[in-house]
N, C-alpha and C. Protein backbone atom coordinates (compact mmCIF):
# COMPACT_ATOMS: atom_id res chain seq x y z
N MET A 1 41.04 24.52 13.95
CA MET A 1 41.68 23.97 13.07
C MET A 1 41.78 22.42 13.43
N LYS A 2 41.35 21.38 12.48
CA LYS A 2 41.65 20.06 12.92
C LYS A 2 43.02 19.66 12.79
N ARG A 3 43.39 18.35 13.26
CA ARG A 3 44.70 18.04 13.25
C ARG A 3 44.96 17.63 11.84
N ASP A 4 44.22 17.31 10.98
CA ASP A 4 44.59 16.89 9.67
C ASP A 4 44.75 18.14 8.78
N ASP A 5 44.25 19.33 9.08
CA ASP A 5 44.17 20.40 8.31
C ASP A 5 45.70 21.10 8.19
N GLU A 6 46.70 20.47 8.83
CA GLU A 6 48.02 21.23 8.75
C GLU A 6 48.88 20.17 8.36
N PHE A 7 49.88 20.29 7.45
CA PHE A 7 50.97 19.49 7.02
C PHE A 7 52.22 20.14 7.13
N ARG A 8 53.31 19.46 7.62
CA ARG A 8 54.65 20.07 7.70
C ARG A 8 55.56 19.36 7.04
N SER A 9 56.31 19.88 6.12
CA SER A 9 57.32 19.13 5.37
C SER A 9 58.43 20.15 5.21
N ILE A 10 58.61 20.57 4.06
CA ILE A 10 59.72 21.69 3.87
C ILE A 10 59.18 22.85 4.33
N ASP A 11 57.90 23.27 3.90
CA ASP A 11 57.11 24.30 4.32
C ASP A 11 55.88 23.83 5.15
N THR A 12 55.15 24.72 5.63
CA THR A 12 53.84 24.23 6.42
C THR A 12 52.83 24.75 5.55
N TRP A 13 51.89 23.73 5.33
CA TRP A 13 50.88 23.69 4.46
C TRP A 13 49.49 23.68 5.30
N ARG A 14 48.47 24.45 4.80
CA ARG A 14 47.13 24.23 5.36
C ARG A 14 46.02 23.87 4.45
N ARG A 15 45.14 22.95 4.74
CA ARG A 15 43.96 22.66 3.97
C ARG A 15 42.95 23.60 3.79
N VAL A 16 42.68 23.93 2.65
CA VAL A 16 41.52 24.76 2.48
C VAL A 16 40.54 24.39 1.48
N TRP A 17 39.12 24.61 1.78
CA TRP A 17 38.12 24.20 0.95
C TRP A 17 38.10 25.19 -0.20
N VAL A 18 37.85 24.82 -1.31
CA VAL A 18 37.77 25.61 -2.49
C VAL A 18 36.29 25.89 -2.68
N GLY A 19 35.74 27.09 -2.66
CA GLY A 19 34.35 27.34 -2.64
C GLY A 19 33.80 27.74 -3.98
N ASP A 20 34.16 26.98 -4.94
CA ASP A 20 33.73 27.25 -6.42
C ASP A 20 32.87 26.18 -7.06
N ASN A 21 32.18 25.42 -5.97
CA ASN A 21 31.26 24.29 -6.25
C ASN A 21 32.05 23.13 -6.80
N SER A 22 33.47 23.07 -6.80
CA SER A 22 34.11 21.91 -7.37
C SER A 22 34.31 20.78 -6.31
N GLY A 23 33.81 21.29 -5.04
CA GLY A 23 33.81 20.13 -4.07
C GLY A 23 35.07 19.64 -3.86
N ARG A 24 36.11 20.37 -3.58
CA ARG A 24 37.58 19.78 -3.29
C ARG A 24 38.25 20.69 -2.45
N TYR A 25 39.49 20.21 -1.84
CA TYR A 25 40.33 20.87 -1.12
C TYR A 25 41.47 21.13 -1.81
N GLU A 26 42.17 22.37 -1.43
CA GLU A 26 43.59 22.38 -1.95
C GLU A 26 44.42 22.65 -0.67
N TRP A 27 45.70 22.57 -0.87
CA TRP A 27 46.58 22.73 0.22
C TRP A 27 47.54 24.02 -0.12
N ARG A 28 47.64 25.02 0.75
CA ARG A 28 48.33 26.13 0.39
C ARG A 28 49.48 26.43 1.62
N SER A 29 50.52 26.80 1.04
CA SER A 29 51.53 27.14 1.89
C SER A 29 51.27 28.34 2.73
N THR A 30 51.68 28.42 3.86
CA THR A 30 51.34 29.56 4.88
C THR A 30 51.92 30.89 4.31
N GLY A 31 53.00 30.85 3.49
CA GLY A 31 53.45 31.97 2.84
C GLY A 31 52.53 32.46 1.53
N GLY A 32 51.58 31.57 1.11
CA GLY A 32 50.59 32.02 0.14
C GLY A 32 51.21 31.85 -1.34
N ARG A 33 52.30 31.54 -1.61
CA ARG A 33 53.11 31.13 -2.93
C ARG A 33 52.75 29.92 -3.41
N LEU A 34 52.46 28.90 -2.65
CA LEU A 34 52.45 27.59 -3.21
C LEU A 34 50.97 27.08 -3.03
N LYS A 35 50.67 26.30 -3.94
CA LYS A 35 49.31 25.50 -3.75
C LYS A 35 49.61 24.09 -4.43
N ALA A 36 49.04 23.11 -3.82
CA ALA A 36 48.96 21.75 -4.13
C ALA A 36 47.51 21.23 -4.18
N TYR A 37 47.22 20.49 -5.19
CA TYR A 37 45.80 19.93 -5.20
C TYR A 37 45.84 18.71 -6.17
N ARG A 38 44.67 17.84 -6.05
CA ARG A 38 44.55 16.75 -6.81
C ARG A 38 43.69 16.96 -8.12
N ASP A 39 44.29 16.35 -9.16
CA ASP A 39 43.98 16.59 -10.57
C ASP A 39 43.73 15.24 -11.20
N GLY A 40 42.62 14.58 -11.02
CA GLY A 40 42.41 13.19 -11.41
C GLY A 40 43.11 12.19 -10.56
N SER A 41 43.93 11.50 -11.34
CA SER A 41 44.74 10.39 -10.41
C SER A 41 45.96 10.96 -10.08
N SER A 42 46.35 12.26 -10.42
CA SER A 42 47.69 12.73 -9.93
C SER A 42 47.50 13.97 -9.15
N TYR A 43 48.65 14.54 -8.77
CA TYR A 43 48.71 15.66 -8.02
C TYR A 43 49.47 16.84 -8.68
N ARG A 44 48.91 18.13 -8.70
CA ARG A 44 49.59 19.07 -9.42
C ARG A 44 50.11 20.18 -8.25
N TYR A 45 50.92 21.21 -8.74
CA TYR A 45 51.31 22.35 -7.78
C TYR A 45 51.32 23.57 -8.59
N GLU A 46 51.34 24.49 -7.93
CA GLU A 46 51.16 25.90 -8.49
C GLU A 46 52.26 26.72 -7.56
N ILE A 47 52.84 27.81 -8.23
CA ILE A 47 53.78 28.75 -7.65
C ILE A 47 53.26 30.06 -8.01
N ASP A 48 53.00 30.97 -7.24
CA ASP A 48 52.46 32.26 -7.42
C ASP A 48 51.39 32.14 -8.41
N GLY A 49 50.38 31.24 -8.39
CA GLY A 49 49.20 31.23 -9.16
C GLY A 49 49.48 30.60 -10.70
N ARG A 50 50.67 30.35 -10.98
CA ARG A 50 51.13 29.60 -12.12
C ARG A 50 51.13 28.20 -12.17
N SER A 51 50.42 27.41 -12.87
CA SER A 51 50.64 26.10 -12.87
C SER A 51 52.14 25.65 -13.21
N ALA A 52 52.62 24.59 -12.44
CA ALA A 52 54.07 24.09 -12.63
C ALA A 52 53.88 22.90 -13.70
N SER A 53 54.86 22.52 -14.39
CA SER A 53 54.95 21.64 -15.25
C SER A 53 54.87 20.18 -14.72
N GLY A 54 54.34 19.31 -15.19
CA GLY A 54 54.50 17.82 -14.71
C GLY A 54 53.36 17.58 -13.63
N SER A 55 53.35 16.40 -12.90
CA SER A 55 52.46 16.11 -12.09
C SER A 55 53.23 15.07 -11.02
N GLU A 56 52.72 14.95 -9.79
CA GLU A 56 53.28 13.94 -8.90
C GLU A 56 52.20 12.88 -8.77
N ARG A 57 52.78 11.71 -8.05
CA ARG A 57 51.99 10.58 -7.68
C ARG A 57 51.37 10.68 -6.40
N THR A 58 51.85 11.59 -5.63
CA THR A 58 51.29 11.70 -4.26
C THR A 58 51.33 13.30 -3.88
N LEU A 59 50.23 13.50 -3.00
CA LEU A 59 50.19 14.75 -2.57
C LEU A 59 51.49 15.49 -1.84
N ARG A 60 52.00 14.71 -0.85
CA ARG A 60 53.27 14.97 -0.29
C ARG A 60 54.37 15.28 -1.48
N ALA A 61 54.51 14.68 -2.62
CA ALA A 61 55.53 14.69 -3.40
C ALA A 61 55.28 16.05 -4.14
N ALA A 62 53.81 16.39 -4.30
CA ALA A 62 53.67 17.63 -5.01
C ALA A 62 54.01 18.89 -4.09
N MET A 63 53.77 18.77 -2.84
CA MET A 63 53.94 19.89 -1.96
C MET A 63 55.61 19.94 -2.01
N GLU A 64 56.46 18.83 -1.80
CA GLU A 64 57.74 19.18 -1.60
C GLU A 64 58.27 19.62 -3.08
N ALA A 65 57.95 19.14 -4.11
CA ALA A 65 58.53 19.54 -5.52
C ALA A 65 58.09 20.98 -5.63
N ALA A 66 56.93 21.46 -5.06
CA ALA A 66 56.68 22.95 -5.14
C ALA A 66 57.72 23.79 -4.22
N SER A 67 57.95 23.19 -3.10
CA SER A 67 58.94 23.79 -2.02
C SER A 67 60.36 23.93 -2.77
N LEU A 68 60.75 22.91 -3.13
CA LEU A 68 62.01 22.78 -3.75
C LEU A 68 62.35 23.67 -5.09
N ALA A 69 61.20 23.68 -5.79
CA ALA A 69 61.23 24.63 -6.99
C ALA A 69 61.44 26.06 -6.60
N VAL A 70 60.73 26.48 -5.56
CA VAL A 70 60.83 27.82 -5.07
C VAL A 70 62.29 28.06 -4.51
N ARG A 71 62.95 27.31 -3.89
CA ARG A 71 64.16 27.16 -3.18
C ARG A 71 65.27 27.16 -4.23
N ASN A 72 65.00 26.77 -5.41
CA ASN A 72 66.17 26.48 -6.42
C ASN A 72 65.78 27.57 -7.75
N PRO A 73 66.39 28.75 -7.62
CA PRO A 73 66.14 29.85 -8.49
C PRO A 73 66.58 29.24 -10.04
N ALA A 74 67.43 28.42 -10.08
CA ALA A 74 67.90 28.04 -11.39
C ALA A 74 66.82 27.08 -11.91
N GLY A 75 65.86 26.56 -11.29
CA GLY A 75 65.06 25.74 -11.69
C GLY A 75 63.97 26.36 -12.67
N ALA A 76 63.34 25.58 -13.50
CA ALA A 76 62.39 26.12 -14.51
C ALA A 76 61.16 26.85 -13.95
N ASP A 77 60.60 26.17 -12.58
CA ASP A 77 59.44 26.90 -12.11
C ASP A 77 59.56 27.88 -11.19
N ALA A 78 60.91 28.32 -10.74
CA ALA A 78 61.02 29.45 -9.80
C ALA A 78 60.89 30.69 -10.46
């Protein structure tokens, strides 16, 4: 694993190549519940395979939003 293949914020994330000919990477939490990825000029995240509402301006913001949504069961995305 390369140094840039792992990111730590609220959770630990690993970069994974998507093998569906889309030519892109996704970042997945080590627990497997969360995913963050670039979508055009913004970043989106998923929780348990479901897209969350809204988008973020940076990859880090998408990762943190996903982590916080999972930790806040009163939130709409948890």
